[in-house]
Amino acid sequence: MEKDRLYGGIIFAISLIIAIAYLAAFFAPYLALPAWLSWLAIALPVFLFTMAVLVICMWIGWTMLTTPPPPPIEPLAQGEGKKPEG
């Protein structure tokens, strides 16, 4: 249990640092930072999201391409599958 709390604290701290760095980069022109940081703060998440969607689409396509088709379902013969009366 103590390990979970440690991991949670590490994840929180890293996320907080990244959020502060992202906000600083996003508002770079107003904070006297290089203007290209503002462009990067917008372009990098858009790039990563686009790549993530494309990788998921490629994975779905690869799975569909390499998975063999299921065996055909044979229709039930007359009288099969009915509940017995009585």
PDB file of N, CA and C in Angstrom:
ATOM      1  N   MET A   1       0.824  -1.193   0.000  1.00  0.00           N
ATOM      2  CA  MET A   1       0.000   0.000   0.000  1.00  0.00           C
ATOM      3  C   MET A   1       0.871   1.262   0.000  1.00  0.00           C
ATOM      4  N   GLU A   2       1.967   1.205   0.748  1.00  0.00           N
ATOM      5  CA  GLU A   2       2.864   2.354   0.814  1.00  0.00           C
ATOM      6  C   GLU A   2       3.485   2.654  -0.551  1.00  0.00           C
ATOM      7  N   LYS A   3       3.731   1.584  -1.332  1.00  0.00           N
ATOM      8  CA  LYS A   3       4.292   1.762  -2.670  1.00  0.00           C
ATOM      9  C   LYS A   3       3.309   2.509  -3.572  1.00  0.00           C
ATOM     10  N   ASP A   4       2.029   2.197  -3.434  1.00  0.00           N
ATOM     11  CA  ASP A   4       1.010   2.874  -4.240  1.00  0.00           C
ATOM     12  C   ASP A   4       0.980   4.373  -3.955  1.00  0.00           C
ATOM     13  N   ARG A   5       1.110   4.724  -2.701  1.00  0.00           N
ATOM     14  CA  ARG A   5       1.112   6.147  -2.334  1.00  0.00           C
ATOM     15  C   ARG A   5       2.351   6.841  -2.892  1.00  0.00           C
ATOM     16  N   LEU A   6       3.486   6.158  -2.876  1.00  0.00           N
ATOM     17  CA  LEU A   6       4.712   6.720  -3.431  1.00  0.00           C
ATOM     18  C   LEU A   6       4.559   6.954  -4.927  1.00  0.00           C
ATOM     19  N   TYR A   7       4.052   5.938  -5.633  1.00  0.00           N
ATOM     20  CA  TYR A   7       3.829   6.088  -7.074  1.00  0.00           C
ATOM     21  C   TYR A   7       2.833   7.209  -7.364  1.00  0.00           C
ATOM     22  N   GLY A   8       1.793   7.297  -6.561  1.00  0.00           N
ATOM     23  CA  GLY A   8       0.812   8.369  -6.733  1.00  0.00           C
ATOM     24  C   GLY A   8       1.442   9.739  -6.548  1.00  0.00           C
ATOM     25  N   GLY A   9       2.302   9.869  -5.543  1.00  0.00           N
ATOM     26  CA  GLY A   9       2.991  11.135  -5.314  1.00  0.00           C
ATOM     27  C   GLY A   9       3.930  11.495  -6.448  1.00  0.00           C
ATOM     28  N   ILE A  10       4.628  10.503  -6.972  1.00  0.00           N
ATOM     29  CA  ILE A  10       5.540  10.747  -8.100  1.00  0.00           C
ATOM     30  C   ILE A  10       4.758  11.166  -9.339  1.00  0.00           C
ATOM     31  N   ILE A  11       3.671  10.471  -9.626  1.00  0.00           N
ATOM     32  CA  ILE A  11       2.837  10.820 -10.784  1.00  0.00           C
ATOM     33  C   ILE A  11       2.274  12.228 -10.631  1.00  0.00           C
ATOM     34  N   PHE A  12       1.811  12.558  -9.422  1.00  0.00           N
ATOM     35  CA  PHE A  12       1.275  13.904  -9.176  1.00  0.00           C
ATOM     36  C   PHE A  12       2.344  14.965  -9.390  1.00  0.00           C
ATOM     37  N   ALA A  13       3.538  14.765  -8.825  1.00  0.00           N
ATOM     38  CA  ALA A  13       4.607  15.758  -8.936  1.00  0.00           C
ATOM     39  C   ALA A  13       5.033  15.959 -10.389  1.00  0.00           C
ATOM     40  N   ILE A  14       5.196  14.862 -11.115  1.00  0.00           N
ATOM     41  CA  ILE A  14       5.595  14.972 -12.524  1.00  0.00           C
ATOM     42  C   ILE A  14       4.513  15.675 -13.333  1.00  0.00           C
ATOM     43  N   SER A  15       3.256  15.333 -13.085  1.00  0.00           N
ATOM     44  CA  SER A  15       2.154  15.968 -13.810  1.00  0.00           C
ATOM     45  C   SER A  15       2.090  17.463 -13.508  1.00  0.00           C
ATOM     46  N   LEU A  16       2.311  17.824 -12.246  1.00  0.00           N
ATOM     47  CA  LEU A  16       2.299  19.238 -11.874  1.00  0.00           C
ATOM     48  C   LEU A  16       3.420  19.999 -12.565  1.00  0.00           C
ATOM     49  N   ILE A  17       4.619  19.429 -12.604  1.00  0.00           N
ATOM     50  CA  ILE A  17       5.753  20.074 -13.266  1.00  0.00           C
ATOM     51  C   ILE A  17       5.482  20.238 -14.759  1.00  0.00           C
ATOM     52  N   ILE A  18       4.934  19.201 -15.391  1.00  0.00           N
ATOM     53  CA  ILE A  18       4.629  19.280 -16.827  1.00  0.00           C
ATOM     54  C   ILE A  18       3.548  20.312 -17.084  1.00  0.00           C
ATOM     55  N   ALA A  19       2.532  20.379 -16.221  1.00  0.00           N
ATOM     56  CA  ALA A  19       1.459  21.360 -16.397  1.00  0.00           C
ATOM     57  C   ALA A  19       1.991  22.785 -16.282  1.00  0.00           C
ATOM     58  N   ILE A  20       2.859  23.029 -15.320  1.00  0.00           N
ATOM     59  CA  ILE A  20       3.437  24.365 -15.166  1.00  0.00           C
ATOM     60  C   ILE A  20       4.312  24.712 -16.368  1.00  0.00           C
ATOM     61  N   ALA A  21       5.120  23.751 -16.826  1.00  0.00           N
ATOM     62  CA  ALA A  21       5.969  23.995 -18.003  1.00  0.00           C
ATOM     63  C   ALA A  21       5.107  24.237 -19.246  1.00  0.00           C
ATOM     64  N   TYR A  22       4.008  23.497 -19.372  1.00  0.00           N
ATOM     65  CA  TYR A  22       3.127  23.685 -20.535  1.00  0.00           C
ATOM     66  C   TYR A  22       2.500  25.071 -20.497  1.00  0.00           C
ATOM     67  N   LEU A  23       2.005  25.474 -19.342  1.00  0.00           N
ATOM     68  CA  LEU A  23       1.402  26.801 -19.244  1.00  0.00           C
ATOM     69  C   LEU A  23       2.416  27.899 -19.533  1.00  0.00           C
ATOM     70  N   ALA A  24       3.631  27.733 -19.035  1.00  0.00           N
ATOM     71  CA  ALA A  24       4.673  28.723 -19.305  1.00  0.00           C
ATOM     72  C   ALA A  24       4.993  28.776 -20.799  1.00  0.00           C
ATOM     73  N   ALA A  25       5.054  27.613 -21.437  1.00  0.00           N
ATOM     74  CA  ALA A  25       5.337  27.587 -22.874  1.00  0.00           C
ATOM     75  C   ALA A  25       4.168  28.154 -23.666  1.00  0.00           C
ATOM     76  N   PHE A  26       2.938  27.850 -23.232  1.00  0.00           N
ATOM     77  CA  PHE A  26       1.757  28.335 -23.955  1.00  0.00           C
ATOM     78  C   PHE A  26       1.675  29.862 -23.919  1.00  0.00           C
ATOM     79  N   PHE A  27       2.008  30.443 -22.772  1.00  0.00           N
ATOM     80  CA  PHE A  27       1.960  31.897 -22.638  1.00  0.00           C
ATOM     81  C   PHE A  27       3.348  32.521 -22.753  1.00  0.00           C
ATOM     82  N   ALA A  28       4.240  31.894 -23.494  1.00  0.00           N
ATOM     83  CA  ALA A  28       5.626  32.336 -23.620  1.00  0.00           C
ATOM     84  C   ALA A  28       5.772  33.787 -24.088  1.00  0.00           C
ATOM     85  N   PRO A  29       5.024  34.217 -25.107  1.00  0.00           N
ATOM     86  CA  PRO A  29       5.226  35.610 -25.544  1.00  0.00           C
ATOM     87  C   PRO A  29       4.902  36.631 -24.451  1.00  0.00           C
ATOM     88  N   TYR A  30       4.004  36.292 -23.549  1.00  0.00           N
ATOM     89  CA  TYR A  30       3.621  37.223 -22.489  1.00  0.00           C
ATOM     90  C   TYR A  30       4.555  37.146 -21.290  1.00  0.00           C
ATOM     91  N   LEU A  31       5.386  36.102 -21.240  1.00  0.00           N
ATOM     92  CA  LEU A  31       6.307  35.919 -20.113  1.00  0.00           C
ATOM     93  C   LEU A  31       7.757  36.199 -20.504  1.00  0.00           C
ATOM     94  N   ALA A  32       7.970  36.860 -21.609  1.00  0.00           N
ATOM     95  CA  ALA A  32       9.303  37.211 -22.115  1.00  0.00           C
ATOM     96  C   ALA A  32      10.138  35.966 -22.391  1.00  0.00           C
ATOM     97  N   LEU A  33       9.487  34.898 -22.837  1.00  0.00           N
ATOM     98  CA  LEU A  33      10.181  33.684 -23.259  1.00  0.00           C
ATOM     99  C   LEU A  33      10.167  33.644 -24.783  1.00  0.00           C
ATOM    100  N   PRO A  34      10.976  32.793 -25.389  1.00  0.00           N
ATOM    101  CA  PRO A  34      10.977  32.722 -26.859  1.00  0.00           C
ATOM    102  C   PRO A  34       9.581  32.381 -27.407  1.00  0.00           C
ATOM    103  N   ALA A  35       9.191  33.042 -28.476  1.00  0.00           N
ATOM    104  CA  ALA A  35       7.852  32.874 -29.039  1.00  0.00           C
ATOM    105  C   ALA A  35       7.641  31.484 -29.618  1.00  0.00           C
ATOM    106  N   TRP A  36       8.702  30.808 -30.051  1.00  0.00           N
ATOM    107  CA  TRP A  36       8.542  29.482 -30.636  1.00  0.00           C
ATOM    108  C   TRP A  36       8.040  28.479 -29.605  1.00  0.00           C
ATOM    109  N   LEU A  37       8.227  28.765 -28.317  1.00  0.00           N
ATOM    110  CA  LEU A  37       7.700  27.868 -27.282  1.00  0.00           C
ATOM    111  C   LEU A  37       6.182  27.819 -27.311  1.00  0.00           C
ATOM    112  N   SER A  38       5.562  28.956 -27.607  1.00  0.00           N
ATOM    113  CA  SER A  38       4.103  28.996 -27.695  1.00  0.00           C
ATOM    114  C   SER A  38       3.623  28.141 -28.861  1.00  0.00           C
ATOM    115  N   TRP A  39       4.301  28.225 -29.979  1.00  0.00           N
ATOM    116  CA  TRP A  39       3.950  27.389 -31.128  1.00  0.00           C
ATOM    117  C   TRP A  39       4.128  25.919 -30.783  1.00  0.00           C
ATOM    118  N   LEU A  40       5.211  25.598 -30.104  1.00  0.00           N
ATOM    119  CA  LEU A  40       5.495  24.218 -29.730  1.00  0.00           C
ATOM    120  C   LEU A  40       4.462  23.682 -28.739  1.00  0.00           C
ATOM    121  N   ALA A  41       3.979  24.539 -27.844  1.00  0.00           N
ATOM    122  CA  ALA A  41       2.975  24.115 -26.859  1.00  0.00           C
ATOM    123  C   ALA A  41       1.666  23.727 -27.528  1.00  0.00           C
ATOM    124  N   ILE A  42       1.392  24.275 -28.691  1.00  0.00           N
ATOM    125  CA  ILE A  42       0.180  23.911 -29.426  1.00  0.00           C
ATOM    126  C   ILE A  42       0.468  22.757 -30.385  1.00  0.00           C
ATOM    127  N   ALA A  43       1.576  22.826 -31.093  1.00  0.00           N
ATOM    128  CA  ALA A  43       1.880  21.833 -32.123  1.00  0.00           C
ATOM    129  C   ALA A  43       2.190  20.455 -31.548  1.00  0.00           C
ATOM    130  N   LEU A  44       2.894  20.379 -30.449  1.00  0.00           N
ATOM    131  CA  LEU A  44       3.294  19.087 -29.897  1.00  0.00           C
ATOM    132  C   LEU A  44       2.103  18.242 -29.423  1.00  0.00           C
ATOM    133  N   PRO A  45       1.167  18.790 -28.641  1.00  0.00           N
ATOM    134  CA  PRO A  45       0.004  17.973 -28.269  1.00  0.00           C
ATOM    135  C   PRO A  45      -0.856  17.564 -29.459  1.00  0.00           C
ATOM    136  N   VAL A  46      -0.994  18.449 -30.446  1.00  0.00           N
ATOM    137  CA  VAL A  46      -1.769  18.095 -31.639  1.00  0.00           C
ATOM    138  C   VAL A  46      -1.070  16.964 -32.383  1.00  0.00           C
ATOM    139  N   PHE A  47       0.233  17.054 -32.516  1.00  0.00           N
ATOM    140  CA  PHE A  47       1.004  15.999 -33.172  1.00  0.00           C
ATOM    141  C   PHE A  47       0.868  14.672 -32.433  1.00  0.00           C
ATOM    142  N   LEU A  48       1.029  14.699 -31.101  1.00  0.00           N
ATOM    143  CA  LEU A  48       0.943  13.467 -30.316  1.00  0.00           C
ATOM    144  C   LEU A  48      -0.450  12.851 -30.373  1.00  0.00           C
ATOM    145  N   PHE A  49      -1.492  13.674 -30.314  1.00  0.00           N
ATOM    146  CA  PHE A  49      -2.856  13.158 -30.401  1.00  0.00           C
ATOM    147  C   PHE A  49      -3.105  12.530 -31.769  1.00  0.00           C
ATOM    148  N   THR A  50      -2.671  13.217 -32.822  1.00  0.00           N
ATOM    149  CA  THR A  50      -2.851  12.689 -34.174  1.00  0.00           C
ATOM    150  C   THR A  50      -2.125  11.364 -34.342  1.00  0.00           C
ATOM    151  N   MET A  51      -0.888  11.293 -33.859  1.00  0.00           N
ATOM    152  CA  MET A  51      -0.133  10.049 -33.968  1.00  0.00           C
ATOM    153  C   MET A  51      -0.777   8.929 -33.154  1.00  0.00           C
ATOM    154  N   ALA A  52      -1.311   9.255 -31.977  1.00  0.00           N
ATOM    155  CA  ALA A  52      -1.966   8.238 -31.159  1.00  0.00           C
ATOM    156  C   ALA A  52      -3.186   7.670 -31.869  1.00  0.00           C
ATOM    157  N   VAL A  53      -3.991   8.542 -32.481  1.00  0.00           N
ATOM    158  CA  VAL A  53      -5.169   8.079 -33.219  1.00  0.00           C
ATOM    159  C   VAL A  53      -4.752   7.218 -34.407  1.00  0.00           C
ATOM    160  N   LEU A  54      -3.731   7.636 -35.130  1.00  0.00           N
ATOM    161  CA  LEU A  54      -3.275   6.866 -36.283  1.00  0.00           C
ATOM    162  C   LEU A  54      -2.693   5.515 -35.880  1.00  0.00           C
ATOM    163  N   VAL A  55      -1.960   5.468 -34.773  1.00  0.00           N
ATOM    164  CA  VAL A  55      -1.415   4.190 -34.306  1.00  0.00           C
ATOM    165  C   VAL A  55      -2.543   3.249 -33.901  1.00  0.00           C
ATOM    166  N   ILE A  56      -3.568   3.773 -33.241  1.00  0.00           N
ATOM    167  CA  ILE A  56      -4.717   2.940 -32.879  1.00  0.00           C
ATOM    168  C   ILE A  56      -5.415   2.428 -34.135  1.00  0.00           C
ATOM    169  N   CYS A  57      -5.574   3.279 -35.132  1.00  0.00           N
ATOM    170  CA  CYS A  57      -6.191   2.850 -36.397  1.00  0.00           C
ATOM    171  C   CYS A  57      -5.333   1.787 -37.080  1.00  0.00           C
ATOM    172  N   MET A  58      -4.014   1.967 -37.079  1.00  0.00           N
ATOM    173  CA  MET A  58      -3.141   0.956 -37.676  1.00  0.00           C
ATOM    174  C   MET A  58      -3.243  -0.369 -36.924  1.00  0.00           C
ATOM    175  N   TRP A  59      -3.320  -0.312 -35.604  1.00  0.00           N
ATOM    176  CA  TRP A  59      -3.444  -1.522 -34.791  1.00  0.00           C
ATOM    177  C   TRP A  59      -4.749  -2.253 -35.100  1.00  0.00           C
ATOM    178  N   ILE A  60      -5.837  -1.505 -35.216  1.00  0.00           N
ATOM    179  CA  ILE A  60      -7.123  -2.124 -35.570  1.00  0.00           C
ATOM    180  C   ILE A  60      -7.038  -2.753 -36.957  1.00  0.00           C
ATOM    181  N   GLY A  61      -6.462  -2.031 -37.916  1.00  0.00           N
ATOM    182  CA  GLY A  61      -6.315  -2.572 -39.261  1.00  0.00           C
ATOM    183  C   GLY A  61      -5.446  -3.819 -39.291  1.00  0.00           C
ATOM    184  N   TRP A  62      -4.342  -3.800 -38.568  1.00  0.00           N
ATOM    185  CA  TRP A  62      -3.452  -4.965 -38.523  1.00  0.00           C
ATOM    186  C   TRP A  62      -4.163  -6.157 -37.905  1.00  0.00           C
ATOM    187  N   THR A  63      -4.925  -5.910 -36.849  1.00  0.00           N
ATOM    188  CA  THR A  63      -5.663  -6.991 -36.206  1.00  0.00           C
ATOM    189  C   THR A  63      -6.700  -7.582 -37.153  1.00  0.00           C
ATOM    190  N   MET A  64      -7.408  -6.723 -37.877  1.00  0.00           N
ATOM    191  CA  MET A  64      -8.395  -7.205 -38.840  1.00  0.00           C
ATOM    192  C   MET A  64      -7.731  -7.954 -39.987  1.00  0.00           C
ATOM    193  N   LEU A  65      -6.540  -7.508 -40.383  1.00  0.00           N
ATOM    194  CA  LEU A  65      -5.829  -8.130 -41.489  1.00  0.00           C
ATOM    195  C   LEU A  65      -5.301  -9.514 -41.122  1.00  0.00           C
ATOM    196  N   THR A  66      -4.813  -9.664 -39.900  1.00  0.00           N
ATOM    197  CA  THR A  66      -4.146 -10.908 -39.528  1.00  0.00           C
ATOM    198  C   THR A  66      -5.023 -11.901 -38.772  1.00  0.00           C
ATOM    199  N   THR A  67      -6.226 -11.525 -38.398  1.00  0.00           N
ATOM    200  CA  THR A  67      -7.111 -12.439 -37.684  1.00  0.00           C
ATOM    201  C   THR A  67      -7.874 -13.290 -38.686  1.00  0.00           C
ATOM    202  N   PRO A  68      -7.833 -14.608 -38.534  1.00  0.00           N
ATOM    203  CA  PRO A  68      -8.574 -15.447 -39.476  1.00  0.00           C
ATOM    204  C   PRO A  68     -10.082 -15.279 -39.269  1.00  0.00           C
ATOM    205  N   PRO A  69     -10.841 -15.476 -40.333  1.00  0.00           N
ATOM    206  CA  PRO A  69     -12.288 -15.319 -40.196  1.00  0.00           C
ATOM    207  C   PRO A  69     -12.857 -16.421 -39.296  1.00  0.00           C
ATOM    208  N   PRO A  70     -13.954 -16.123 -38.618  1.00  0.00           N
ATOM    209  CA  PRO A  70     -14.548 -17.146 -37.765  1.00  0.00           C
ATOM    210  C   PRO A  70     -15.186 -18.241 -38.618  1.00  0.00           C
ATOM    211  N   PRO A  71     -15.329 -19.436 -38.054  1.00  0.00           N
ATOM    212  CA  PRO A  71     -15.972 -20.496 -38.822  1.00  0.00           C
ATOM    213  C   PRO A  71     -17.437 -20.132 -39.090  1.00  0.00           C
ATOM    214  N   PRO A  72     -17.962 -20.584 -40.221  1.00  0.00           N
ATOM    215  CA  PRO A  72     -19.345 -20.228 -40.539  1.00  0.00           C
ATOM    216  C   PRO A  72     -20.315 -20.861 -39.542  1.00  0.00           C
ATOM    217  N   ILE A  73     -21.377 -20.146 -39.296  1.00  0.00           N
ATOM    218  CA  ILE A  73     -22.410 -20.647 -38.396  1.00  0.00           C
ATOM    219  C   ILE A  73     -23.392 -21.455 -39.224  1.00  0.00           C
ATOM    220  N   GLU A  74     -23.546 -22.709 -38.864  1.00  0.00           N
ATOM    221  CA  GLU A  74     -24.461 -23.574 -39.607  1.00  0.00           C
ATOM    222  C   GLU A  74     -25.875 -23.405 -39.053  1.00  0.00           C
ATOM    223  N   PRO A  75     -26.839 -23.345 -39.935  1.00  0.00           N
ATOM    224  CA  PRO A  75     -28.218 -23.177 -39.454  1.00  0.00           C
ATOM    225  C   PRO A  75     -28.669 -24.436 -38.705  1.00  0.00           C
ATOM    226  N   LEU A  76     -29.524 -24.244 -37.732  1.00  0.00           N
ATOM    227  CA  LEU A  76     -30.061 -25.375 -36.977  1.00  0.00           C
ATOM    228  C   LEU A  76     -30.995 -26.194 -37.856  1.00  0.00           C
ATOM    229  N   ALA A  77     -30.901 -27.491 -37.705  1.00  0.00           N
ATOM    230  CA  ALA A  77     -31.798 -28.367 -38.461  1.00  0.00           C
ATOM    231  C   ALA A  77     -33.213 -28.233 -37.898  1.00  0.00           C
ATOM    232  N   GLN A  78     -34.169 -28.603 -38.693  1.00  0.00           N
ATOM    233  CA  GLN A  78     -35.568 -28.506 -38.275  1.00  0.00           C
ATOM    234  C   GLN A  78     -35.778 -29.330 -37.010  1.00  0.00           C
ATOM    235  N   GLY A  79     -36.303 -28.739 -36.000  1.00  0.00           N
ATOM    236  CA  GLY A  79     -36.572 -29.440 -34.759  1.00  0.00           C
ATOM    237  C   GLY A  79     -35.489 -29.287 -33.718  1.00  0.00           C
ATOM    238  N   GLU A  80     -34.262 -28.903 -34.108  1.00  0.00           N
ATOM    239  CA  GLU A  80     -33.201 -28.696 -33.123  1.00  0.00           C
ATOM    240  C   GLU A  80     -33.363 -27.350 -32.470  1.00  0.00           C
ATOM    241  N   GLY A  81     -33.001 -27.277 -31.235  1.00  0.00           N
ATOM    242  CA  GLY A  81     -33.035 -26.002 -30.534  1.00  0.00           C
ATOM    243  C   GLY A  81     -34.379 -25.689 -29.931  1.00  0.00           C
ATOM    244  N   LYS A  82     -35.375 -26.528 -30.147  1.00  0.00           N
ATOM    245  CA  LYS A  82     -36.679 -26.296 -29.556  1.00  0.00           C
ATOM    246  C   LYS A  82     -36.709 -26.927 -28.164  1.00  0.00           C
ATOM    247  N   LYS A  83     -37.441 -26.295 -27.299  1.00  0.00           N
ATOM    248  CA  LYS A  83     -37.598 -26.848 -25.949  1.00  0.00           C
ATOM    249  C   LYS A  83     -38.513 -28.050 -26.004  1.00  0.00           C
ATOM    250  N   PRO A  84     -38.153 -29.085 -25.285  1.00  0.00           N
ATOM    251  CA  PRO A  84     -39.037 -30.247 -25.263  1.00  0.00           C
ATOM    252  C   PRO A  84     -40.336 -29.897 -24.517  1.00  0.00           C
ATOM    253  N   GLU A  85     -41.422 -30.402 -25.040  1.00  0.00           N
ATOM    254  CA  GLU A  85     -42.716 -30.127 -24.418  1.00  0.00           C
ATOM    255  C   GLU A  85     -42.972 -31.119 -23.314  1.00  0.00           C
ATOM    256  N   GLY A  86     -43.562 -30.642 -22.268  1.00  0.00           N
ATOM    257  CA  GLY A  86     -44.016 -31.521 -21.204  1.00  0.00           C
ATOM    258  C   GLY A  86     -43.148 -31.593 -20.087  1.00  0.00           C
TER     259      GLY A  86
END
